[in-house]
Amino acid sequence: MAKIKYPSIPDEAIVDLKIIGTFYRSLAQLLLGLSQELKPNEYQAIIEKLKNKEPATDIKELNIMLVTALVFSIELAAEEQKVTTEIEVDIPDEPVK
Protein backbone atom coordinates (compact mmCIF):
# COMPACT_ATOMS: atom_id res chain seq x y z
CA MET A 1 0.00 0.00 0.00
CA ALA A 2 1.33 3.44 -0.92
CA LYS A 3 1.55 6.23 1.63
CA ILE A 4 1.39 9.96 1.16
CA LYS A 5 2.09 12.84 3.50
CA TYR A 6 -0.05 15.94 3.80
CA PRO A 7 -0.22 18.83 6.26
CA SER A 8 -2.49 18.30 9.24
CA ILE A 9 -3.42 20.22 12.38
CA PRO A 10 -3.27 18.31 15.67
CA ASP A 11 -6.50 18.25 17.70
CA GLU A 12 -4.99 20.29 20.54
CA ALA A 13 -3.50 22.98 18.27
CA ILE A 14 -4.91 26.49 18.37
CA VAL A 15 -4.71 28.44 15.11
CA ASP A 16 -4.82 32.25 15.15
CA LEU A 17 -6.67 33.55 12.12
CA LYS A 18 -7.46 37.07 11.00
CA ILE A 19 -10.71 37.58 9.12
CA ILE A 20 -12.51 40.57 7.67
CA GLY A 21 -15.99 41.59 8.79
CA THR A 22 -17.52 40.76 5.42
CA PHE A 23 -16.40 37.15 5.82
CA TYR A 24 -18.05 37.02 9.25
CA ARG A 25 -21.29 38.50 7.86
CA SER A 26 -21.28 35.91 5.06
CA LEU A 27 -20.91 33.13 7.63
CA ALA A 28 -23.73 34.60 9.71
CA GLN A 29 -25.95 34.72 6.60
CA LEU A 30 -25.04 31.11 5.82
CA LEU A 31 -26.01 30.10 9.36
CA LEU A 32 -29.30 31.97 9.07
CA GLY A 33 -30.06 30.24 5.78
CA LEU A 34 -29.21 26.80 7.17
CA SER A 35 -31.29 27.36 10.29
CA GLN A 36 -34.30 28.62 8.31
CA GLU A 37 -34.46 25.24 6.57
CA LEU A 38 -35.35 23.69 9.95
CA LYS A 39 -38.31 23.89 12.28
CA PRO A 40 -37.53 25.98 15.39
CA ASN A 41 -37.52 22.90 17.64
CA GLU A 42 -35.10 21.10 15.28
CA TYR A 43 -32.67 24.02 15.36
CA GLN A 44 -32.92 24.21 19.16
CA ALA A 45 -32.18 20.47 19.44
CA ILE A 46 -29.05 20.90 17.31
CA ILE A 47 -27.87 23.81 19.47
CA GLU A 48 -28.41 21.69 22.60
CA LYS A 49 -26.31 18.91 21.04
CA LEU A 50 -23.59 21.45 20.34
CA LYS A 51 -23.69 22.76 23.92
CA ASN A 52 -23.52 19.22 25.31
CA LYS A 53 -20.74 18.22 22.89
CA GLU A 54 -22.88 15.47 21.39
CA PRO A 55 -22.12 14.24 17.87
CA ALA A 56 -24.20 15.20 14.85
CA THR A 57 -26.46 12.51 13.44
CA ASP A 58 -26.28 13.67 9.81
CA ILE A 59 -24.46 16.07 7.51
CA LYS A 60 -27.08 18.82 7.90
CA GLU A 61 -26.64 18.80 11.68
CA LEU A 62 -22.88 18.75 11.29
CA ASN A 63 -22.94 21.75 8.95
CA ILE A 64 -25.11 23.77 11.33
CA MET A 65 -23.01 22.79 14.34
CA LEU A 66 -19.74 23.71 12.62
CA VAL A 67 -20.94 27.03 11.24
CA THR A 68 -22.55 27.93 14.59
CA ALA A 69 -19.32 27.14 16.45
CA LEU A 70 -17.28 29.17 13.96
CA VAL A 71 -19.59 32.20 14.13
CA PHE A 72 -19.65 32.04 17.94
CA SER A 73 -15.85 31.79 18.11
CA ILE A 74 -15.46 34.78 15.81
CA GLU A 75 -17.93 36.83 17.86
CA LEU A 76 -16.18 35.92 21.10
CA ALA A 77 -12.76 36.82 19.71
CA ALA A 78 -14.11 40.10 18.31
CA GLU A 79 -15.51 41.04 21.72
CA GLU A 80 -12.25 40.15 23.47
CA GLN A 81 -10.32 42.25 20.95
CA LYS A 82 -12.83 45.10 21.34
CA VAL A 83 -13.54 45.38 17.62
CA THR A 84 -17.33 45.02 17.83
CA THR A 85 -19.77 47.85 17.22
CA GLU A 86 -23.49 48.16 17.79
CA ILE A 87 -25.71 48.57 14.76
CA GLU A 88 -29.42 49.22 14.49
CA VAL A 89 -31.58 47.10 12.22
CA ASP A 90 -35.25 47.24 11.36
CA ILE A 91 -37.38 44.30 12.44
CA PRO A 92 -40.44 43.84 10.26
CA ASP A 93 -43.84 43.81 11.95
CA GLU A 94 -45.58 40.48 12.32
CA PRO A 95 -48.05 39.89 9.50
CA VAL A 96 -51.67 40.51 10.44
CA LYS A 97 -53.88 37.43 10.00
PDB file of N, CA and C in Angstrom:
ATOM      1  N   MET A   1       0.848  -1.173   0.000  1.00  0.00           N
ATOM      2  CA  MET A   1       0.000   0.000   0.000  1.00  0.00           C
ATOM      3  C   MET A   1       0.896   1.240   0.000  1.00  0.00           C
ATOM      4  N   ALA A   2       0.565   2.190  -0.837  1.00  0.00           N
ATOM      5  CA  ALA A   2       1.326   3.437  -0.915  1.00  0.00           C
ATOM      6  C   ALA A   2       0.921   4.372   0.220  1.00  0.00           C
ATOM      7  N   LYS A   3       1.824   5.238   0.592  1.00  0.00           N
ATOM      8  CA  LYS A   3       1.551   6.234   1.626  1.00  0.00           C
ATOM      9  C   LYS A   3       1.863   7.609   1.067  1.00  0.00           C
ATOM     10  N   ILE A   4       1.111   8.573   1.517  1.00  0.00           N
ATOM     11  CA  ILE A   4       1.389   9.959   1.160  1.00  0.00           C
ATOM     12  C   ILE A   4       1.429  10.780   2.438  1.00  0.00           C
ATOM     13  N   LYS A   5       2.051  11.922   2.367  1.00  0.00           N
ATOM     14  CA  LYS A   5       2.089  12.842   3.498  1.00  0.00           C
ATOM     15  C   LYS A   5       1.376  14.124   3.093  1.00  0.00           C
ATOM     16  N   TYR A   6       0.614  14.665   4.032  1.00  0.00           N
ATOM     17  CA  TYR A   6      -0.054  15.937   3.796  1.00  0.00           C
ATOM     18  C   TYR A   6      -0.097  16.701   5.108  1.00  0.00           C
ATOM     19  N   PRO A   7      -0.186  18.033   5.032  1.00  0.00           N
ATOM     20  CA  PRO A   7      -0.218  18.832   6.262  1.00  0.00           C
ATOM     21  C   PRO A   7      -1.495  18.566   7.059  1.00  0.00           C
ATOM     22  N   SER A   8      -1.361  18.533   8.354  1.00  0.00           N
ATOM     23  CA  SER A   8      -2.492  18.305   9.239  1.00  0.00           C
ATOM     24  C   SER A   8      -2.348  19.194  10.467  1.00  0.00           C
ATOM     25  N   ILE A   9      -3.434  19.418  11.145  1.00  0.00           N
ATOM     26  CA  ILE A   9      -3.420  20.217  12.378  1.00  0.00           C
ATOM     27  C   ILE A   9      -3.798  19.289  13.524  1.00  0.00           C
ATOM     28  N   PRO A  10      -2.937  19.164  14.526  1.00  0.00           N
ATOM     29  CA  PRO A  10      -3.267  18.309  15.670  1.00  0.00           C
ATOM     30  C   PRO A  10      -4.522  18.807  16.392  1.00  0.00           C
ATOM     31  N   ASP A  11      -5.251  17.914  17.017  1.00  0.00           N
ATOM     32  CA  ASP A  11      -6.495  18.255  17.704  1.00  0.00           C
ATOM     33  C   ASP A  11      -6.311  19.353  18.753  1.00  0.00           C
ATOM     34  N   GLU A  12      -5.199  19.345  19.451  1.00  0.00           N
ATOM     35  CA  GLU A  12      -4.991  20.289  20.544  1.00  0.00           C
ATOM     36  C   GLU A  12      -4.409  21.631  20.072  1.00  0.00           C
ATOM     37  N   ALA A  13      -4.089  21.750  18.795  1.00  0.00           N
ATOM     38  CA  ALA A  13      -3.497  22.982  18.265  1.00  0.00           C
ATOM     39  C   ALA A  13      -4.530  24.098  18.218  1.00  0.00           C
ATOM     40  N   ILE A  14      -4.076  25.305  18.483  1.00  0.00           N
ATOM     41  CA  ILE A  14      -4.912  26.490  18.370  1.00  0.00           C
ATOM     42  C   ILE A  14      -4.324  27.345  17.259  1.00  0.00           C
ATOM     43  N   VAL A  15      -5.154  27.671  16.267  1.00  0.00           N
ATOM     44  CA  VAL A  15      -4.710  28.439  15.108  1.00  0.00           C
ATOM     45  C   VAL A  15      -5.263  29.854  15.214  1.00  0.00           C
ATOM     46  N   ASP A  16      -4.384  30.853  15.182  1.00  0.00           N
ATOM     47  CA  ASP A  16      -4.818  32.246  15.150  1.00  0.00           C
ATOM     48  C   ASP A  16      -5.097  32.612  13.701  1.00  0.00           C
ATOM     49  N   LEU A  17      -6.245  33.235  13.472  1.00  0.00           N
ATOM     50  CA  LEU A  17      -6.666  33.550  12.123  1.00  0.00           C
ATOM     51  C   LEU A  17      -7.286  34.937  12.091  1.00  0.00           C
ATOM     52  N   LYS A  18      -6.862  35.754  11.160  1.00  0.00           N
ATOM     53  CA  LYS A  18      -7.456  37.072  11.001  1.00  0.00           C
ATOM     54  C   LYS A  18      -8.491  36.987   9.888  1.00  0.00           C
ATOM     55  N   ILE A  19      -9.661  37.568  10.147  1.00  0.00           N
ATOM     56  CA  ILE A  19     -10.711  37.584   9.125  1.00  0.00           C
ATOM     57  C   ILE A  19     -11.249  38.997   9.005  1.00  0.00           C
ATOM     58  N   ILE A  20     -11.891  39.260   7.910  1.00  0.00           N
ATOM     59  CA  ILE A  20     -12.507  40.566   7.670  1.00  0.00           C
ATOM     60  C   ILE A  20     -14.002  40.457   8.009  1.00  0.00           C
ATOM     61  N   GLY A  21     -14.585  41.582   8.388  1.00  0.00           N
ATOM     62  CA  GLY A  21     -15.991  41.593   8.788  1.00  0.00           C
ATOM     63  C   GLY A  21     -16.935  41.056   7.737  1.00  0.00           C
ATOM     64  N   THR A  22     -16.628  41.265   6.468  1.00  0.00           N
ATOM     65  CA  THR A  22     -17.516  40.762   5.416  1.00  0.00           C
ATOM     66  C   THR A  22     -17.542  39.233   5.393  1.00  0.00           C
ATOM     67  N   PHE A  23     -16.425  38.615   5.740  1.00  0.00           N
ATOM     68  CA  PHE A  23     -16.397  37.149   5.819  1.00  0.00           C
ATOM     69  C   PHE A  23     -17.292  36.680   6.964  1.00  0.00           C
ATOM     70  N   TYR A  24     -17.195  37.352   8.105  1.00  0.00           N
ATOM     71  CA  TYR A  24     -18.046  37.021   9.251  1.00  0.00           C
ATOM     72  C   TYR A  24     -19.520  37.171   8.876  1.00  0.00           C
ATOM     73  N   ARG A  25     -19.882  38.284   8.225  1.00  0.00           N
ATOM     74  CA  ARG A  25     -21.286  38.496   7.855  1.00  0.00           C
ATOM     75  C   ARG A  25     -21.770  37.418   6.887  1.00  0.00           C
ATOM     76  N   SER A  26     -20.909  36.992   5.985  1.00  0.00           N
ATOM     77  CA  SER A  26     -21.284  35.914   5.063  1.00  0.00           C
ATOM     78  C   SER A  26     -21.531  34.614   5.818  1.00  0.00           C
ATOM     79  N   LEU A  27     -20.692  34.321   6.801  1.00  0.00           N
ATOM     80  CA  LEU A  27     -20.906  33.128   7.626  1.00  0.00           C
ATOM     81  C   LEU A  27     -22.209  33.227   8.406  1.00  0.00           C
ATOM     82  N   ALA A  28     -22.486  34.412   8.963  1.00  0.00           N
ATOM     83  CA  ALA A  28     -23.727  34.604   9.715  1.00  0.00           C
ATOM     84  C   ALA A  28     -24.939  34.423   8.801  1.00  0.00           C
ATOM     85  N   GLN A  29     -24.854  34.907   7.557  1.00  0.00           N
ATOM     86  CA  GLN A  29     -25.953  34.724   6.601  1.00  0.00           C
ATOM     87  C   GLN A  29     -26.105  33.251   6.241  1.00  0.00           C
ATOM     88  N   LEU A  30     -24.993  32.553   6.096  1.00  0.00           N
ATOM     89  CA  LEU A  30     -25.037  31.109   5.825  1.00  0.00           C
ATOM     90  C   LEU A  30     -25.735  30.383   6.965  1.00  0.00           C
ATOM     91  N   LEU A  31     -25.379  30.722   8.198  1.00  0.00           N
ATOM     92  CA  LEU A  31     -26.008  30.100   9.361  1.00  0.00           C
ATOM     93  C   LEU A  31     -27.504  30.391   9.393  1.00  0.00           C
ATOM     94  N   LEU A  32     -27.880  31.623   9.098  1.00  0.00           N
ATOM     95  CA  LEU A  32     -29.303  31.974   9.071  1.00  0.00           C
ATOM     96  C   LEU A  32     -30.036  31.150   8.017  1.00  0.00           C
ATOM     97  N   GLY A  33     -29.443  31.025   6.838  1.00  0.00           N
ATOM     98  CA  GLY A  33     -30.063  30.241   5.777  1.00  0.00           C
ATOM     99  C   GLY A  33     -30.199  28.771   6.146  1.00  0.00           C
ATOM    100  N   LEU A  34     -29.157  28.209   6.749  1.00  0.00           N
ATOM    101  CA  LEU A  34     -29.207  26.804   7.169  1.00  0.00           C
ATOM    102  C   LEU A  34     -30.274  26.593   8.241  1.00  0.00           C
ATOM    103  N   SER A  35     -30.331  27.522   9.190  1.00  0.00           N
ATOM    104  CA  SER A  35     -31.289  27.362  10.294  1.00  0.00           C
ATOM    105  C   SER A  35     -32.727  27.565   9.830  1.00  0.00           C
ATOM    106  N   GLN A  36     -32.938  28.387   8.804  1.00  0.00           N
ATOM    107  CA  GLN A  36     -34.298  28.619   8.312  1.00  0.00           C
ATOM    108  C   GLN A  36     -34.860  27.405   7.581  1.00  0.00           C
ATOM    109  N   GLU A  37     -33.998  26.468   7.214  1.00  0.00           N
ATOM    110  CA  GLU A  37     -34.463  25.237   6.574  1.00  0.00           C
ATOM    111  C   GLU A  37     -35.040  24.251   7.595  1.00  0.00           C
ATOM    112  N   LEU A  38     -34.907  24.579   8.872  1.00  0.00           N
ATOM    113  CA  LEU A  38     -35.353  23.694   9.945  1.00  0.00           C
ATOM    114  C   LEU A  38     -36.548  24.289  10.676  1.00  0.00           C
ATOM    115  N   LYS A  39     -37.279  23.429  11.361  1.00  0.00           N
ATOM    116  CA  LYS A  39     -38.311  23.894  12.281  1.00  0.00           C
ATOM    117  C   LYS A  39     -37.591  24.437  13.521  1.00  0.00           C
ATOM    118  N   PRO A  40     -38.197  25.404  14.219  1.00  0.00           N
ATOM    119  CA  PRO A  40     -37.530  25.978  15.392  1.00  0.00           C
ATOM    120  C   PRO A  40     -37.081  24.928  16.421  1.00  0.00           C
ATOM    121  N   ASN A  41     -37.901  23.909  16.650  1.00  0.00           N
ATOM    122  CA  ASN A  41     -37.521  22.901  17.641  1.00  0.00           C
ATOM    123  C   ASN A  41     -36.350  22.041  17.144  1.00  0.00           C
ATOM    124  N   GLU A  42     -36.233  21.857  15.823  1.00  0.00           N
ATOM    125  CA  GLU A  42     -35.104  21.097  15.279  1.00  0.00           C
ATOM    126  C   GLU A  42     -33.800  21.873  15.464  1.00  0.00           C
ATOM    127  N   TYR A  43     -33.864  23.188  15.184  1.00  0.00           N
ATOM    128  CA  TYR A  43     -32.670  24.018  15.358  1.00  0.00           C
ATOM    129  C   TYR A  43     -32.257  24.041  16.832  1.00  0.00           C
ATOM    130  N   GLN A  44     -33.219  24.182  17.727  1.00  0.00           N
ATOM    131  CA  GLN A  44     -32.917  24.208  19.159  1.00  0.00           C
ATOM    132  C   GLN A  44     -32.283  22.895  19.609  1.00  0.00           C
ATOM    133  N   ALA A  45     -32.750  21.780  19.086  1.00  0.00           N
ATOM    134  CA  ALA A  45     -32.179  20.469  19.437  1.00  0.00           C
ATOM    135  C   ALA A  45     -30.725  20.367  18.977  1.00  0.00           C
ATOM    136  N   ILE A  46     -30.430  20.920  17.809  1.00  0.00           N
ATOM    137  CA  ILE A  46     -29.049  20.895  17.314  1.00  0.00           C
ATOM    138  C   ILE A  46     -28.155  21.759  18.194  1.00  0.00           C
ATOM    139  N   ILE A  47     -28.649  22.923  18.597  1.00  0.00           N
ATOM    140  CA  ILE A  47     -27.870  23.812  19.470  1.00  0.00           C
ATOM    141  C   ILE A  47     -27.615  23.135  20.817  1.00  0.00           C
ATOM    142  N   GLU A  48     -28.599  22.422  21.343  1.00  0.00           N
ATOM    143  CA  GLU A  48     -28.407  21.691  22.604  1.00  0.00           C
ATOM    144  C   GLU A  48     -27.336  20.611  22.442  1.00  0.00           C
ATOM    145  N   LYS A  49     -27.354  19.912  21.315  1.00  0.00           N
ATOM    146  CA  LYS A  49     -26.314  18.914  21.041  1.00  0.00           C
ATOM    147  C   LYS A  49     -24.945  19.570  21.034  1.00  0.00           C
ATOM    148  N   LEU A  50     -24.858  20.724  20.400  1.00  0.00           N
ATOM    149  CA  LEU A  50     -23.589  21.453  20.337  1.00  0.00           C
ATOM    150  C   LEU A  50     -23.124  21.845  21.736  1.00  0.00           C
ATOM    151  N   LYS A  51     -24.032  22.365  22.549  1.00  0.00           N
ATOM    152  CA  LYS A  51     -23.695  22.760  23.918  1.00  0.00           C
ATOM    153  C   LYS A  51     -23.216  21.563  24.745  1.00  0.00           C
ATOM    154  N   ASN A  52     -23.850  20.417  24.531  1.00  0.00           N
ATOM    155  CA  ASN A  52     -23.516  19.217  25.310  1.00  0.00           C
ATOM    156  C   ASN A  52     -22.421  18.369  24.670  1.00  0.00           C
ATOM    157  N   LYS A  53     -21.827  18.894  23.612  1.00  0.00           N
ATOM    158  CA  LYS A  53     -20.742  18.216  22.895  1.00  0.00           C
ATOM    159  C   LYS A  53     -21.139  16.820  22.421  1.00  0.00           C
ATOM    160  N   GLU A  54     -22.381  16.725  21.952  1.00  0.00           N
ATOM    161  CA  GLU A  54     -22.879  15.469  21.389  1.00  0.00           C
ATOM    162  C   GLU A  54     -22.601  15.458  19.892  1.00  0.00           C
ATOM    163  N   PRO A  55     -22.415  14.291  19.304  1.00  0.00           N
ATOM    164  CA  PRO A  55     -22.124  14.236  17.870  1.00  0.00           C
ATOM    165  C   PRO A  55     -23.363  14.507  17.014  1.00  0.00           C
ATOM    166  N   ALA A  56     -23.119  14.985  15.819  1.00  0.00           N
ATOM    167  CA  ALA A  56     -24.203  15.196  14.849  1.00  0.00           C
ATOM    168  C   ALA A  56     -24.660  13.846  14.323  1.00  0.00           C
ATOM    169  N   THR A  57     -25.933  13.769  13.965  1.00  0.00           N
ATOM    170  CA  THR A  57     -26.462  12.508  13.440  1.00  0.00           C
ATOM    171  C   THR A  57     -26.480  12.463  11.910  1.00  0.00           C
ATOM    172  N   ASP A  58     -26.336  13.653  11.274  1.00  0.00           N
ATOM    173  CA  ASP A  58     -26.278  13.674   9.815  1.00  0.00           C
ATOM    174  C   ASP A  58     -25.497  14.895   9.358  1.00  0.00           C
ATOM    175  N   ILE A  59     -25.296  14.999   8.052  1.00  0.00           N
ATOM    176  CA  ILE A  59     -24.459  16.073   7.510  1.00  0.00           C
ATOM    177  C   ILE A  59     -25.089  17.445   7.712  1.00  0.00           C
ATOM    178  N   LYS A  60     -26.408  17.538   7.677  1.00  0.00           N
ATOM    179  CA  LYS A  60     -27.084  18.823   7.897  1.00  0.00           C
ATOM    180  C   LYS A  60     -26.813  19.322   9.318  1.00  0.00           C
ATOM    181  N   GLU A  61     -26.949  18.424  10.300  1.00  0.00           N
ATOM    182  CA  GLU A  61     -26.645  18.797  11.684  1.00  0.00           C
ATOM    183  C   GLU A  61     -25.183  19.203  11.825  1.00  0.00           C
ATOM    184  N   LEU A  62     -24.309  18.442  11.206  1.00  0.00           N
ATOM    185  CA  LEU A  62     -22.881  18.745  11.293  1.00  0.00           C
ATOM    186  C   LEU A  62     -22.579  20.126  10.719  1.00  0.00           C
ATOM    187  N   ASN A  63     -23.164  20.437   9.567  1.00  0.00           N
ATOM    188  CA  ASN A  63     -22.941  21.753   8.953  1.00  0.00           C
ATOM    189  C   ASN A  63     -23.402  22.870   9.878  1.00  0.00           C
ATOM    190  N   ILE A  64     -24.578  22.731  10.447  1.00  0.00           N
ATOM    191  CA  ILE A  64     -25.110  23.766  11.332  1.00  0.00           C
ATOM    192  C   ILE A  64     -24.252  23.883  12.590  1.00  0.00           C
ATOM    193  N   MET A  65     -23.842  22.764  13.143  1.00  0.00           N
ATOM    194  CA  MET A  65     -23.010  22.790  14.343  1.00  0.00           C
ATOM    195  C   MET A  65     -21.667  23.471  14.070  1.00  0.00           C
ATOM    196  N   LEU A  66     -21.046  23.132  12.946  1.00  0.00           N
ATOM    197  CA  LEU A  66     -19.739  23.708  12.625  1.00  0.00           C
ATOM    198  C   LEU A  66     -19.827  25.205  12.340  1.00  0.00           C
ATOM    199  N   VAL A  67     -20.811  25.610  11.560  1.00  0.00           N
ATOM    200  CA  VAL A  67     -20.942  27.033  11.239  1.00  0.00           C
ATOM    201  C   VAL A  67     -21.316  27.823  12.495  1.00  0.00           C
ATOM    202  N   THR A  68     -22.183  27.267  13.330  1.00  0.00           N
ATOM    203  CA  THR A  68     -22.547  27.934  14.588  1.00  0.00           C
ATOM    204  C   THR A  68     -21.314  28.113  15.474  1.00  0.00           C
ATOM    205  N   ALA A  69     -20.523  27.069  15.623  1.00  0.00           N
ATOM    206  CA  ALA A  69     -19.317  27.139  16.453  1.00  0.00           C
ATOM    207  C   ALA A  69     -18.333  28.163  15.892  1.00  0.00           C
ATOM    208  N   LEU A  70     -18.188  28.212  14.581  1.00  0.00           N
ATOM    209  CA  LEU A  70     -17.279  29.165  13.958  1.00  0.00           C
ATOM    210  C   LEU A  70     -17.760  30.599  14.162  1.00  0.00           C
ATOM    211  N   VAL A  71     -19.038  30.860  13.935  1.00  0.00           N
ATOM    212  CA  VAL A  71     -19.592  32.200  14.129  1.00  0.00           C
ATOM    213  C   VAL A  71     -19.450  32.625  15.585  1.00  0.00           C
ATOM    214  N   PHE A  72     -19.771  31.721  16.510  1.00  0.00           N
ATOM    215  CA  PHE A  72     -19.654  32.038  17.937  1.00  0.00           C
ATOM    216  C   PHE A  72     -18.204  32.352  18.305  1.00  0.00           C
ATOM    217  N   SER A  73     -17.273  31.565  17.807  1.00  0.00           N
ATOM    218  CA  SER A  73     -15.848  31.786  18.105  1.00  0.00           C
ATOM    219  C   SER A  73     -15.373  33.131  17.574  1.00  0.00           C
ATOM    220  N   ILE A  74     -15.828  33.488  16.388  1.00  0.00           N
ATOM    221  CA  ILE A  74     -15.457  34.779  15.809  1.00  0.00           C
ATOM    222  C   ILE A  74     -16.031  35.912  16.650  1.00  0.00           C
ATOM    223  N   GLU A  75     -17.305  35.789  17.046  1.00  0.00           N
ATOM    224  CA  GLU A  75     -17.935  36.828  17.864  1.00  0.00           C
ATOM    225  C   GLU A  75     -17.232  36.977  19.203  1.00  0.00           C
ATOM    226  N   LEU A  76     -16.879  35.873  19.822  1.00  0.00           N
ATOM    227  CA  LEU A  76     -16.182  35.918  21.104  1.00  0.00           C
ATOM    228  C   LEU A  76     -14.819  36.592  20.964  1.00  0.00           C
ATOM    229  N   ALA A  77     -14.070  36.215  19.939  1.00  0.00           N
ATOM    230  CA  ALA A  77     -12.757  36.818  19.709  1.00  0.00           C
ATOM    231  C   ALA A  77     -12.891  38.309  19.413  1.00  0.00           C
ATOM    232  N   ALA A  78     -13.897  38.688  18.640  1.00  0.00           N
ATOM    233  CA  ALA A  78     -14.106  40.101  18.311  1.00  0.00           C
ATOM    234  C   ALA A  78     -14.418  40.914  19.562  1.00  0.00           C
ATOM    235  N   GLU A  79     -15.211  40.349  20.462  1.00  0.00           N
ATOM    236  CA  GLU A  79     -15.514  41.040  21.723  1.00  0.00           C
ATOM    237  C   GLU A  79     -14.260  41.180  22.574  1.00  0.00           C
ATOM    238  N   GLU A  80     -13.479  40.109  22.673  1.00  0.00           N
ATOM    239  CA  GLU A  80     -12.252  40.151  23.471  1.00  0.00           C
ATOM    240  C   GLU A  80     -11.265  41.171  22.917  1.00  0.00           C
ATOM    241  N   GLN A  81     -11.242  41.318  21.596  1.00  0.00           N
ATOM    242  CA  GLN A  81     -10.324  42.253  20.952  1.00  0.00           C
ATOM    243  C   GLN A  81     -10.909  43.657  20.839  1.00  0.00           C
ATOM    244  N   LYS A  82     -12.133  43.816  21.333  1.00  0.00           N
ATOM    245  CA  LYS A  82     -12.828  45.100  21.342  1.00  0.00           C
ATOM    246  C   LYS A  82     -12.939  45.709  19.936  1.00  0.00           C
ATOM    247  N   VAL A  83     -13.343  44.892  18.984  1.00  0.00           N
ATOM    248  CA  VAL A  83     -13.542  45.382  17.617  1.00  0.00           C
ATOM    249  C   VAL A  83     -15.009  45.290  17.191  1.00  0.00           C
ATOM    250  N   THR A  84     -15.902  45.081  18.156  1.00  0.00           N
ATOM    251  CA  THR A  84     -17.330  45.021  17.828  1.00  0.00           C
ATOM    252  C   THR A  84     -17.935  46.423  17.895  1.00  0.00           C
ATOM    253  N   THR A  85     -19.001  46.618  17.154  1.00  0.00           N
ATOM    254  CA  THR A  85     -19.766  47.855  17.224  1.00  0.00           C
ATOM    255  C   THR A  85     -21.237  47.477  17.286  1.00  0.00           C
ATOM    256  N   GLU A  86     -22.056  48.397  17.779  1.00  0.00           N
ATOM    257  CA  GLU A  86     -23.494  48.164  17.790  1.00  0.00           C
ATOM    258  C   GLU A  86     -24.096  48.786  16.544  1.00  0.00           C
ATOM    259  N   ILE A  87     -25.002  48.047  15.919  1.00  0.00           N
ATOM    260  CA  ILE A  87     -25.710  48.573  14.757  1.00  0.00           C
ATOM    261  C   ILE A  87     -27.207  48.456  15.028  1.00  0.00           C
ATOM    262  N   GLU A  88     -27.970  49.255  14.339  1.00  0.00           N
ATOM    263  CA  GLU A  88     -29.424  49.223  14.487  1.00  0.00           C
ATOM    264  C   GLU A  88     -30.026  48.659  13.213  1.00  0.00           C
ATOM    265  N   VAL A  89     -30.912  47.697  13.378  1.00  0.00           N
ATOM    266  CA  VAL A  89     -31.575  47.098  12.217  1.00  0.00           C
ATOM    267  C   VAL A  89     -33.078  47.162  12.414  1.00  0.00           C
ATOM    268  N   ASP A  90     -33.799  47.239  11.315  1.00  0.00           N
ATOM    269  CA  ASP A  90     -35.254  47.243  11.359  1.00  0.00           C
ATOM    270  C   ASP A  90     -35.762  45.808  11.452  1.00  0.00           C
ATOM    271  N   ILE A  91     -36.734  45.602  12.317  1.00  0.00           N
ATOM    272  CA  ILE A  91     -37.381  44.298  12.444  1.00  0.00           C
ATOM    273  C   ILE A  91     -38.785  44.443  11.891  1.00  0.00           C
ATOM    274  N   PRO A  92     -39.104  43.684  10.849  1.00  0.00           N
ATOM    275  CA  PRO A  92     -40.440  43.840  10.260  1.00  0.00           C
ATOM    276  C   PRO A  92     -41.533  43.468  11.255  1.00  0.00           C
ATOM    277  N   ASP A  93     -42.675  44.138  11.111  1.00  0.00           N
ATOM    278  CA  ASP A  93     -43.835  43.813  11.948  1.00  0.00           C
ATOM    279  C   ASP A  93     -44.333  42.429  11.594  1.00  0.00           C
ATOM    280  N   GLU A  94     -44.972  41.794  12.571  1.00  0.00           N
ATOM    281  CA  GLU A  94     -45.584  40.484  12.318  1.00  0.00           C
ATOM    282  C   GLU A  94     -46.745  40.676  11.365  1.00  0.00           C
ATOM    283  N   PRO A  95     -46.915  39.755  10.416  1.00  0.00           N
ATOM    284  CA  PRO A  95     -48.046  39.895   9.499  1.00  0.00           C
ATOM    285  C   PRO A  95     -49.374  39.766  10.246  1.00  0.00           C
ATOM    286  N   VAL A  96     -50.342  40.543   9.838  1.00  0.00           N
ATOM    287  CA  VAL A  96     -51.673  40.505  10.439  1.00  0.00           C
ATOM    288  C   VAL A  96     -52.457  39.398   9.749  1.00  0.00           C
ATOM    289  N   LYS A  97     -53.115  38.561  10.568  1.00  0.00           N
ATOM    290  CA  LYS A  97     -53.881  37.430  10.001  1.00  0.00           C
ATOM    291  C   LYS A  97     -55.292  37.812   9.728  1.00  0.00           C
TER     292      LYS A  97
END
